[in-house]
């Protein structure tokens, strides 16, 4: 179970990190909110199950989505100013 969760969350982390590296990518608001919610819940569930590798992977994905959410908010503010 832990291995399957780790693989699943590693794929999600790869996608989130790739979006962060691609500095031109701006996530739609719904995408940022949905992914922050999903990865935060996955982190909490992994911690409660004592699955530390999946918890670490999803926690890093949360960090990536926080960066993307800030980038999205900053760009949206610039466009409306």
N, C-alpha and C. Protein backbone atom coordinates (compact mmCIF):
# COMPACT_ATOMS: atom_id res chain seq x y z
N UNK A 1 0.83 -1.19 0.00
CA UNK A 1 0.00 0.00 0.00
C UNK A 1 0.87 1.26 0.00
N UNK A 2 1.87 1.28 0.86
CA UNK A 2 2.74 2.44 0.94
C UNK A 2 3.51 2.66 -0.36
N UNK A 3 3.93 1.58 -1.01
CA UNK A 3 4.65 1.69 -2.28
C UNK A 3 3.75 2.28 -3.36
N UNK A 4 2.52 1.80 -3.44
CA UNK A 4 1.59 2.32 -4.44
C UNK A 4 1.29 3.79 -4.19
N UNK A 5 1.10 4.15 -2.92
CA UNK A 5 0.87 5.56 -2.60
C UNK A 5 2.09 6.41 -2.96
N UNK A 6 3.26 5.89 -2.68
CA UNK A 6 4.49 6.64 -3.00
C UNK A 6 4.61 6.88 -4.50
N UNK A 7 4.32 5.87 -5.30
CA UNK A 7 4.40 6.02 -6.76
C UNK A 7 3.37 7.03 -7.23
N UNK A 8 2.15 6.92 -6.73
CA UNK A 8 1.09 7.86 -7.11
C UNK A 8 1.47 9.28 -6.77
N UNK A 9 1.92 9.49 -5.54
CA UNK A 9 2.25 10.84 -5.11
C UNK A 9 3.53 11.36 -5.75
N UNK A 10 4.46 10.47 -6.08
CA UNK A 10 5.67 10.90 -6.79
C UNK A 10 5.31 11.43 -8.17
N UNK A 11 4.35 10.81 -8.82
CA UNK A 11 3.90 11.30 -10.13
C UNK A 11 3.27 12.69 -9.99
N UNK A 12 2.44 12.86 -8.98
CA UNK A 12 1.84 14.18 -8.73
C UNK A 12 2.89 15.22 -8.39
N UNK A 13 3.88 14.82 -7.63
CA UNK A 13 4.98 15.72 -7.28
C UNK A 13 5.76 16.11 -8.53
N UNK A 14 6.02 15.16 -9.41
CA UNK A 14 6.74 15.44 -10.66
C UNK A 14 5.99 16.49 -11.48
N UNK A 15 4.67 16.32 -11.59
CA UNK A 15 3.86 17.28 -12.35
C UNK A 15 3.92 18.66 -11.70
N UNK A 16 3.75 18.72 -10.39
CA UNK A 16 3.78 20.01 -9.69
C UNK A 16 5.15 20.68 -9.82
N UNK A 17 6.21 19.91 -9.65
CA UNK A 17 7.57 20.47 -9.77
C UNK A 17 7.84 20.95 -11.20
N UNK A 18 7.36 20.21 -12.19
CA UNK A 18 7.54 20.61 -13.58
C UNK A 18 6.84 21.95 -13.84
N UNK A 19 5.66 22.14 -13.24
CA UNK A 19 4.96 23.41 -13.39
C UNK A 19 5.73 24.54 -12.73
N UNK A 20 6.36 24.29 -11.60
CA UNK A 20 7.14 25.32 -10.92
C UNK A 20 8.36 25.70 -11.76
N UNK A 21 9.03 24.70 -12.31
CA UNK A 21 10.22 24.95 -13.13
C UNK A 21 9.85 25.75 -14.38
N UNK A 22 8.70 25.45 -14.97
CA UNK A 22 8.22 26.18 -16.14
C UNK A 22 7.66 27.52 -15.66
N UNK A 23 8.50 28.53 -15.60
CA UNK A 23 8.12 29.80 -15.00
C UNK A 23 7.02 30.52 -15.76
N UNK A 24 6.77 30.14 -17.01
CA UNK A 24 5.69 30.77 -17.76
C UNK A 24 4.32 30.17 -17.41
N UNK A 25 4.31 29.01 -16.74
CA UNK A 25 3.04 28.36 -16.41
C UNK A 25 2.34 29.11 -15.29
N UNK A 26 1.10 29.46 -15.53
CA UNK A 26 0.24 30.06 -14.51
C UNK A 26 -0.97 29.15 -14.37
N UNK A 27 -1.14 28.59 -13.21
CA UNK A 27 -2.24 27.65 -12.98
C UNK A 27 -3.56 28.41 -12.91
N UNK A 28 -4.59 27.85 -13.51
CA UNK A 28 -5.92 28.44 -13.29
C UNK A 28 -6.25 28.37 -11.80
N UNK A 29 -7.03 29.30 -11.32
CA UNK A 29 -7.34 29.37 -9.89
C UNK A 29 -7.96 28.06 -9.41
N UNK A 30 -8.92 27.51 -10.16
CA UNK A 30 -9.58 26.27 -9.73
C UNK A 30 -8.57 25.13 -9.64
N UNK A 31 -7.58 25.10 -10.54
CA UNK A 31 -6.58 24.05 -10.53
C UNK A 31 -5.69 24.15 -9.29
N UNK A 32 -5.28 25.37 -8.98
CA UNK A 32 -4.43 25.57 -7.81
C UNK A 32 -5.17 25.19 -6.52
N UNK A 33 -6.41 25.63 -6.40
CA UNK A 33 -7.20 25.34 -5.19
C UNK A 33 -7.46 23.83 -5.08
N UNK A 34 -7.85 23.21 -6.18
CA UNK A 34 -8.14 21.77 -6.16
C UNK A 34 -6.91 20.95 -5.80
N UNK A 35 -5.77 21.28 -6.38
CA UNK A 35 -4.55 20.53 -6.09
C UNK A 35 -4.04 20.79 -4.68
N UNK A 36 -4.14 22.02 -4.20
CA UNK A 36 -3.75 22.29 -2.81
C UNK A 36 -4.61 21.48 -1.85
N UNK A 37 -5.90 21.43 -2.11
CA UNK A 37 -6.81 20.67 -1.26
C UNK A 37 -6.50 19.18 -1.32
N UNK A 38 -6.35 18.66 -2.54
CA UNK A 38 -6.10 17.22 -2.71
C UNK A 38 -4.78 16.80 -2.06
N UNK A 39 -3.71 17.53 -2.31
CA UNK A 39 -2.42 17.14 -1.76
C UNK A 39 -2.35 17.37 -0.25
N UNK A 40 -3.04 18.37 0.24
CA UNK A 40 -3.07 18.58 1.70
C UNK A 40 -3.79 17.41 2.38
N UNK A 41 -4.91 16.99 1.81
CA UNK A 41 -5.64 15.84 2.36
C UNK A 41 -4.81 14.56 2.25
N UNK A 42 -4.11 14.39 1.14
CA UNK A 42 -3.26 13.20 0.97
C UNK A 42 -2.13 13.19 1.99
N UNK A 43 -1.56 14.37 2.26
CA UNK A 43 -0.50 14.46 3.26
C UNK A 43 -1.04 14.07 4.64
N UNK A 44 -2.19 14.65 4.99
CA UNK A 44 -2.78 14.34 6.30
C UNK A 44 -3.11 12.86 6.42
N UNK A 45 -3.70 12.27 5.39
CA UNK A 45 -4.05 10.85 5.43
C UNK A 45 -2.80 9.98 5.56
N UNK A 46 -1.75 10.31 4.83
CA UNK A 46 -0.51 9.54 4.90
C UNK A 46 0.12 9.62 6.29
N UNK A 47 0.07 10.81 6.88
CA UNK A 47 0.61 10.97 8.23
C UNK A 47 -0.19 10.13 9.22
N UNK A 48 -1.52 10.19 9.11
CA UNK A 48 -2.37 9.42 10.03
C UNK A 48 -2.16 7.91 9.88
N UNK A 49 -1.81 7.48 8.65
CA UNK A 49 -1.55 6.06 8.40
C UNK A 49 -0.09 5.68 8.68
N UNK A 50 0.72 6.66 9.08
CA UNK A 50 2.15 6.45 9.32
C UNK A 50 2.88 5.98 8.08
N UNK A 51 2.48 6.48 6.92
CA UNK A 51 3.16 6.22 5.65
C UNK A 51 4.03 7.45 5.36
N UNK A 52 5.27 7.39 5.84
CA UNK A 52 6.11 8.58 5.85
C UNK A 52 6.62 8.99 4.48
N UNK A 53 6.93 8.04 3.61
CA UNK A 53 7.42 8.41 2.27
C UNK A 53 6.32 9.12 1.47
N UNK A 54 5.10 8.55 1.40
CA UNK A 54 4.04 9.29 0.70
C UNK A 54 3.74 10.64 1.33
N UNK A 55 3.82 10.72 2.66
CA UNK A 55 3.57 11.99 3.34
C UNK A 55 4.60 13.03 2.93
N UNK A 56 5.85 12.64 2.85
CA UNK A 56 6.91 13.58 2.45
C UNK A 56 6.73 14.02 1.00
N UNK A 57 6.38 13.09 0.13
CA UNK A 57 6.18 13.44 -1.28
C UNK A 57 5.01 14.41 -1.45
N UNK A 58 3.92 14.13 -0.77
CA UNK A 58 2.77 15.01 -0.92
C UNK A 58 2.99 16.36 -0.24
N UNK A 59 3.74 16.37 0.84
CA UNK A 59 4.06 17.65 1.50
C UNK A 59 4.88 18.53 0.56
N UNK A 60 5.80 17.94 -0.17
CA UNK A 60 6.59 18.71 -1.13
C UNK A 60 5.70 19.18 -2.28
N UNK A 61 4.74 18.36 -2.70
CA UNK A 61 3.80 18.77 -3.75
C UNK A 61 2.96 19.95 -3.26
N UNK A 62 2.56 19.93 -1.99
CA UNK A 62 1.82 21.07 -1.42
C UNK A 62 2.66 22.33 -1.53
N UNK A 63 3.94 22.23 -1.19
CA UNK A 63 4.84 23.38 -1.30
C UNK A 63 4.89 23.89 -2.74
N UNK A 64 4.99 22.99 -3.70
CA UNK A 64 5.01 23.39 -5.11
C UNK A 64 3.72 24.12 -5.48
N UNK A 65 2.59 23.60 -5.04
CA UNK A 65 1.31 24.24 -5.37
C UNK A 65 1.14 25.57 -4.65
N UNK A 66 1.74 25.74 -3.49
CA UNK A 66 1.72 27.05 -2.84
C UNK A 66 2.48 28.05 -3.70
N UNK A 67 3.64 27.64 -4.22
CA UNK A 67 4.42 28.52 -5.11
C UNK A 67 3.59 28.87 -6.34
N UNK A 68 2.94 27.87 -6.92
CA UNK A 68 2.13 28.12 -8.11
C UNK A 68 0.92 29.01 -7.81
N UNK A 69 0.33 28.85 -6.63
CA UNK A 69 -0.80 29.68 -6.26
C UNK A 69 -0.38 31.14 -6.08
N UNK A 70 0.77 31.35 -5.46
CA UNK A 70 1.30 32.71 -5.31
C UNK A 70 1.60 33.30 -6.68
N UNK A 71 2.19 32.51 -7.57
CA UNK A 71 2.49 32.98 -8.93
C UNK A 71 1.20 33.36 -9.65
N UNK A 72 0.18 32.53 -9.51
CA UNK A 72 -1.11 32.80 -10.15
C UNK A 72 -1.71 34.09 -9.61
N UNK A 73 -1.73 34.25 -8.29
CA UNK A 73 -2.30 35.46 -7.68
C UNK A 73 -1.53 36.71 -8.11
N UNK A 74 -0.21 36.61 -8.16
CA UNK A 74 0.61 37.75 -8.56
C UNK A 74 0.33 38.15 -10.00
N UNK A 75 0.26 37.18 -10.89
CA UNK A 75 -0.01 37.48 -12.30
C UNK A 75 -1.41 38.03 -12.49
N UNK A 76 -2.38 37.49 -11.76
CA UNK A 76 -3.77 37.98 -11.88
C UNK A 76 -3.86 39.43 -11.39
N UNK A 77 -3.14 39.75 -10.32
CA UNK A 77 -3.14 41.13 -9.81
C UNK A 77 -2.52 42.08 -10.83
N UNK A 78 -1.43 41.62 -11.46
CA UNK A 78 -0.77 42.46 -12.46
C UNK A 78 -1.67 42.73 -13.67
N UNK A 79 -2.44 41.71 -14.05
CA UNK A 79 -3.33 41.86 -15.21
C UNK A 79 -4.50 42.78 -14.92
N UNK A 80 -4.97 42.81 -13.69
CA UNK A 80 -6.12 43.64 -13.35
C UNK A 80 -5.71 45.07 -12.98
N UNK A 81 -4.43 45.31 -12.78
CA UNK A 81 -3.97 46.65 -12.39
C UNK A 81 -3.82 47.55 -13.58
